[in-house]
């Protein structure tokens, strides 16, 4: 069983930055990919970004491309989502997810992930 714990959420103003972390309970080099998703009030959960644990391939949703950066540290068994130039529309609960086995790239659908964190709230005020 893999446990994922997100942290780093909070309340910020438009234009500010936040960095979310996702700590895994297992050695991340044994896993294939990490993804970030978000769910705004009254909306379905949507894909944000993904990264392969080895090789560092990344993929972003168009809505965050150029503003968000996904990264990882196998040494720390942790993934990160650096969010810059935040907008009120980025307000949501952000979830990290882990895929254990290899799959088509990029893994951007919820069913492609095996484990999920509990989520962390990000609120961007105007």
Foldseek 3Di string as FASTA:
>chain_A
DKAWAKDWADEEAAQAKIKIKIAIPDQLVQAFKKFKWWDDPPGDIFGAKMFTPPPTDIDGDPVQPPFWDKDDDSVRNMIMIIGGRDDQVVWTWMKMFTARDDDDPPPTDPVRTDDIYPTDTHGYHD
